[in-house]
Amino acid sequence: MTSRAESVRLYLVIWGWLAGLMLLGVFLSEAGVLPLPAAIIVVLVTLLSSVKAVLVALYYMHLKLDRRLLAVIALAPLLLIVLVLGVVYSSAFIRL
């Protein structure tokens, strides 16, 4: 069992990571800051957002302490997102 001070410290560390990842996403999304193609910037910002969503789900929604079945249920929408993105991006490579 963790003490209250350790719990508060953990939440503050997670909050710091969330704030830092958010600032990095804003920095990347500013036009012209980095000489990268727009598609790469979109992928990077999407990955950062995914990491933030996982941190929020694990620590602030307390999924880290719940059963594995509940975690699988919570991650099921990610499978749907991957499938939808696969369909959308596959149309860019295959001309019908």
Protein backbone atom coordinates (compact mmCIF):
# COMPACT_ATOMS: atom_id res chain seq x y z
CA MET A 1 0.00 0.00 0.00
CA THR A 2 1.34 3.40 -0.90
CA SER A 3 1.12 6.38 1.37
CA ARG A 4 -0.86 9.46 0.50
CA ALA A 5 2.29 11.47 -0.20
CA GLU A 6 3.55 8.82 -2.64
CA SER A 7 0.17 8.79 -4.40
CA VAL A 8 0.14 12.56 -4.73
CA ARG A 9 3.73 12.48 -6.02
CA LEU A 10 2.80 9.84 -8.62
CA TYR A 11 -0.19 11.88 -9.83
CA LEU A 12 1.99 14.98 -10.10
CA VAL A 13 4.62 13.08 -12.09
CA ILE A 14 1.93 11.77 -14.47
CA TRP A 15 0.49 15.28 -14.74
CA GLY A 16 3.96 16.58 -15.62
CA TRP A 17 4.32 13.95 -18.36
CA LEU A 18 0.88 14.84 -19.72
CA ALA A 19 1.72 18.55 -19.75
CA GLY A 20 5.09 17.90 -21.41
CA LEU A 21 3.58 15.67 -24.08
CA MET A 22 0.89 18.26 -24.73
CA LEU A 23 3.48 21.00 -25.15
CA LEU A 24 5.51 18.78 -27.47
CA GLY A 25 2.38 18.16 -29.56
CA VAL A 26 1.68 21.89 -29.77
CA PHE A 27 5.31 22.56 -30.73
CA LEU A 28 5.16 19.92 -33.47
CA SER A 29 1.85 21.17 -34.82
CA GLU A 30 3.04 24.74 -35.26
CA ALA A 31 3.52 25.24 -38.98
CA GLY A 32 7.11 25.72 -40.11
CA VAL A 33 8.84 24.98 -36.82
CA LEU A 34 10.38 21.73 -38.04
CA PRO A 35 11.22 20.90 -41.66
CA LEU A 36 9.12 17.72 -41.66
CA PRO A 37 6.35 16.68 -44.02
CA ALA A 38 2.84 17.24 -42.71
CA ALA A 39 2.06 13.50 -42.74
CA ILE A 40 4.95 12.76 -40.36
CA ILE A 41 3.87 15.54 -38.03
CA VAL A 42 0.32 14.18 -37.99
CA VAL A 43 1.61 10.69 -37.15
CA LEU A 44 3.84 12.05 -34.36
CA VAL A 45 1.06 14.12 -32.80
CA THR A 46 -1.29 11.12 -33.03
CA LEU A 47 1.26 8.92 -31.28
CA LEU A 48 1.75 11.53 -28.55
CA SER A 49 -2.02 11.73 -28.09
CA SER A 50 -2.20 7.95 -27.82
CA VAL A 51 0.45 7.92 -25.10
CA LYS A 52 -1.46 10.62 -23.22
CA ALA A 53 -4.70 8.63 -23.51
CA VAL A 54 -3.01 5.53 -22.12
CA LEU A 55 -1.54 7.48 -19.20
CA VAL A 56 -4.93 8.98 -18.37
CA ALA A 57 -6.65 5.60 -18.61
CA LEU A 58 -4.08 3.80 -16.48
CA TYR A 59 -3.61 6.32 -13.71
CA TYR A 60 -6.53 8.75 -13.57
CA MET A 61 -9.20 6.21 -14.54
CA HIS A 62 -7.46 3.62 -12.31
CA LEU A 63 -7.41 0.91 -14.97
CA LYS A 64 -3.94 -0.07 -13.82
CA LEU A 65 -5.44 -1.64 -10.70
CA ASP A 66 -8.49 -3.23 -12.33
CA ARG A 67 -8.86 -6.69 -13.76
CA ARG A 68 -7.29 -7.56 -17.10
CA LEU A 69 -10.70 -8.17 -18.66
CA LEU A 70 -11.71 -4.57 -18.01
CA ALA A 71 -8.46 -3.39 -19.60
CA VAL A 72 -9.16 -5.50 -22.67
CA ILE A 73 -12.65 -4.01 -22.90
CA ALA A 74 -11.19 -0.52 -22.58
CA LEU A 75 -8.63 -1.22 -25.32
CA ALA A 76 -11.19 -2.66 -27.76
CA PRO A 77 -11.92 0.76 -29.33
CA LEU A 78 -8.23 1.01 -30.25
CA LEU A 79 -8.64 -2.05 -32.45
CA LEU A 80 -11.55 -0.36 -34.19
CA ILE A 81 -9.50 2.80 -34.70
CA VAL A 82 -6.65 0.79 -36.23
CA LEU A 83 -9.09 -0.97 -38.56
CA VAL A 84 -10.68 2.31 -39.66
CA LEU A 85 -7.29 3.92 -40.25
CA GLY A 86 -6.23 0.87 -42.23
CA VAL A 87 -9.25 1.22 -44.51
CA VAL A 88 -8.76 4.97 -44.92
CA TYR A 89 -5.05 4.78 -45.69
CA SER A 90 -5.36 1.70 -47.89
CA SER A 91 -7.49 3.73 -50.30
CA ALA A 92 -4.55 6.10 -50.75
CA PHE A 93 -2.39 3.24 -52.02
CA ILE A 94 -5.01 1.40 -54.12
CA ARG A 95 -6.86 3.23 -56.85
CA LEU A 96 -10.24 1.72 -57.61
